[in-house]
Protein backbone atom coordinates (compact mmCIF):
# COMPACT_ATOMS: atom_id res chain seq x y z
CA MET A 1 -4.50 23.53 20.90
CA LYS A 2 -8.02 23.41 20.53
CA THR A 3 -10.13 21.66 23.27
CA LYS A 4 -13.67 20.05 23.26
CA GLY A 5 -15.55 23.38 23.31
CA GLN A 6 -13.65 24.79 20.48
CA ASP A 7 -14.42 23.80 16.76
CA TRP A 8 -12.26 20.94 15.92
CA ARG A 9 -14.97 19.73 13.47
CA SER A 10 -13.51 21.62 10.61
CA ASP A 11 -10.19 19.50 10.93
CA PHE A 12 -11.79 16.05 10.60
CA PRO A 13 -11.93 13.67 8.65
CA VAL A 14 -8.28 13.36 8.20
CA ARG A 15 -6.56 11.06 5.73
CA ASP A 16 -3.17 9.72 7.03
CA GLU A 17 -0.51 7.28 5.31
CA VAL A 18 1.18 5.02 7.70
CA GLU A 19 4.01 2.50 6.36
CA ASP A 20 3.52 -0.80 7.52
CA PHE A 21 6.23 -3.70 8.21
CA SER A 22 6.81 -4.41 4.43
CA GLY A 23 7.25 -0.90 3.38
CA ARG A 24 3.81 -0.87 2.13
CA MET A 25 2.05 2.69 2.65
CA ARG A 26 -1.60 2.37 4.08
CA ILE A 27 -3.90 5.14 4.01
CA PHE A 28 -6.55 5.65 6.83
CA VAL A 29 -9.46 7.89 7.13
CA ILE A 30 -9.77 9.39 10.56
CA THR A 31 -13.04 10.64 11.93
CA CYS A 32 -13.93 12.32 15.29
CA HIS A 33 -17.30 11.77 17.14
CA GLU A 34 -18.20 13.59 20.17
CA ARG A 35 -19.90 11.46 23.01
CA PRO A 36 -21.41 12.46 26.16
CA HIS A 37 -18.22 12.28 28.31
CA GLY A 38 -15.71 13.15 25.78
CA LEU A 39 -14.49 12.48 22.02
CA THR A 40 -13.67 9.26 20.14
CA VAL A 41 -11.08 9.26 17.23
CA ARG A 42 -11.41 6.30 14.89
CA ALA A 43 -9.05 5.46 12.05
CA GLN A 44 -9.98 3.01 9.44
CA GLU A 45 -7.98 1.52 6.58
CA GLU A 46 -9.20 3.03 3.21
CA GLY A 47 -10.64 0.72 0.78
CA THR A 48 -10.98 -2.47 2.82
CA ARG A 49 -14.63 -2.44 3.63
CA GLY A 50 -13.99 -3.12 7.43
CA THR A 51 -11.53 -5.98 6.86
CA GLY A 52 -8.60 -4.10 7.34
CA TYR A 53 -6.75 -2.11 10.12
CA GLU A 54 -8.82 -0.09 12.52
CA PHE A 55 -7.92 1.65 15.48
CA ALA A 56 -9.68 3.94 18.07
CA ALA A 57 -8.67 6.31 20.78
CA TYR A 58 -10.54 8.45 23.39
CA SER A 59 -10.26 11.78 25.14
CA GLU A 60 -12.40 13.31 27.60
CA THR A 61 -11.30 16.75 26.71
CA SER A 62 -9.35 16.87 23.34
CA ALA A 63 -9.96 15.71 19.97
CA TYR A 64 -6.24 16.43 19.21
CA ALA A 65 -5.19 14.24 22.42
CA ALA A 66 -7.29 11.22 20.88
CA LEU A 67 -5.70 11.78 17.50
CA GLY A 68 -2.48 11.71 18.78
CA ARG A 69 -3.14 8.57 20.61
CA VAL A 70 -4.70 6.87 17.62
CA ARG A 71 -1.58 7.66 15.34
CA GLN A 72 0.56 6.14 18.01
CA LYS A 73 -1.45 2.92 17.98
CA MET A 74 -1.45 2.87 14.20
CA GLN A 75 2.58 3.24 14.05
CA ARG A 76 3.23 0.76 16.76
CA ALA A 77 0.56 -1.86 15.46
CA LEU A 78 1.90 -1.59 11.71
CA ALA A 79 5.68 -1.93 12.56
CA THR A 80 5.08 -5.42 13.95
CA ARG A 81 4.23 -8.38 11.79
CA HIS A 82 2.61 -11.32 13.11
CA ILE A 83 1.80 -13.81 10.40
CA THR A 84 2.90 -15.16 7.10
CA ARG A 85 1.56 -17.10 4.37
CA SER A 86 3.26 -20.19 3.15
CA ALA A 87 2.00 -23.00 0.86
CA ASP A 88 0.22 -24.80 3.85
CA GLY A 89 -1.70 -22.00 4.86
CA TYR A 90 -0.83 -19.03 7.39
CA ARG A 91 1.71 -19.26 10.23
CA MET A 92 2.58 -17.06 13.27
CA LEU A 93 6.09 -15.69 12.77
CA HIS A 94 6.58 -15.45 16.78
CA SER A 95 4.85 -16.27 19.98
CA GLU A 96 2.26 -13.23 20.01
CA LEU A 97 -0.79 -12.80 17.93
CA SER A 98 -2.43 -9.29 17.73
CA GLY A 99 -5.54 -8.40 15.81
CA ARG A 100 -9.10 -7.34 15.54
CA ILE A 101 -12.38 -9.38 15.79
CA THR A 102 -15.11 -8.45 13.31
CA CYS A 103 -17.56 -10.19 11.20
CA ARG A 104 -18.26 -10.22 7.64
CA SER A 105 -21.68 -9.40 6.11
CA ASP A 106 -22.72 -12.87 6.38
CA GLY A 107 -22.31 -12.83 10.00
CA ASP A 108 -19.23 -15.23 10.12
CA VAL A 109 -16.40 -13.95 12.47
CA VAL A 110 -13.43 -12.82 10.82
CA LEU A 111 -9.82 -11.87 12.83
CA ILE A 112 -7.94 -9.11 11.22
CA VAL A 113 -4.14 -9.89 11.55
CA ASP A 114 -1.67 -7.77 9.79
CA GLY A 115 -4.39 -6.40 7.79
CA VAL A 116 -5.31 -9.83 6.63
CA PRO A 117 -8.90 -11.21 7.11
CA LEU A 118 -8.54 -14.63 8.72
CA SER A 119 -11.49 -17.02 9.09
CA LEU A 120 -11.92 -19.16 12.17
CA GLU A 121 -10.67 -22.08 10.04
CA ASN A 122 -7.56 -20.17 9.13
CA PHE A 123 -6.83 -19.35 12.64
CA SER A 124 -7.79 -22.82 13.87
CA ALA A 125 -4.95 -24.10 11.45
CA ILE A 126 -2.70 -21.63 12.81
CA LEU A 127 -3.32 -23.02 16.49
CA ALA A 128 -3.20 -26.53 15.40
CA THR A 129 0.50 -26.21 14.47
CA HIS A 130 0.97 -25.43 18.41
CA GLU A 131 -0.97 -28.52 19.90
CA GLY A 132 0.03 -28.98 23.32
CA TRP A 133 1.47 -25.63 23.95
CA ASN A 134 -0.08 -23.18 26.46
CA PHE A 135 -1.90 -19.97 25.46
CA GLU A 136 -3.17 -16.77 26.86
CA MET A 137 -5.94 -14.83 25.45
CA LYS A 138 -6.59 -11.42 26.20
CA ILE A 139 -9.51 -9.11 24.70
CA VAL A 140 -8.94 -5.45 24.99
CA ASP A 141 -11.32 -2.48 24.16
CA ALA A 142 -10.10 -0.76 21.13
CA LEU A 143 -10.46 2.52 23.24
CA GLU A 144 -7.64 1.48 25.53
């Protein structure tokens, strides 16, 4: 196995296909970047211009350890469906919602859930169907 000091650069970028919850194959471009204290591997869904799935992992010593972690995250996240679209808009399929926070080019905040960009208006409509319920919110660094 190669380590940070060896030439991992020739193995990146990597293209991976991962099957999602619906049986659809999604293609990811995986890159690796050396940082002062380790290596960061990022997987971005191809052809989505930043509004699809994205994952990241970090290792202090090995690009391949970070690659393994990012692949585990991809498999786990794509296996679970959180929302569905109905005539009234989007709704949650169970009590948990997981995704990524990003912004469009116009600066509007967008939540990416199941690879679907949800505007804050879409998200608000989902929350409105749970009026009176309690919730927990946890924002996690993509590298964790």
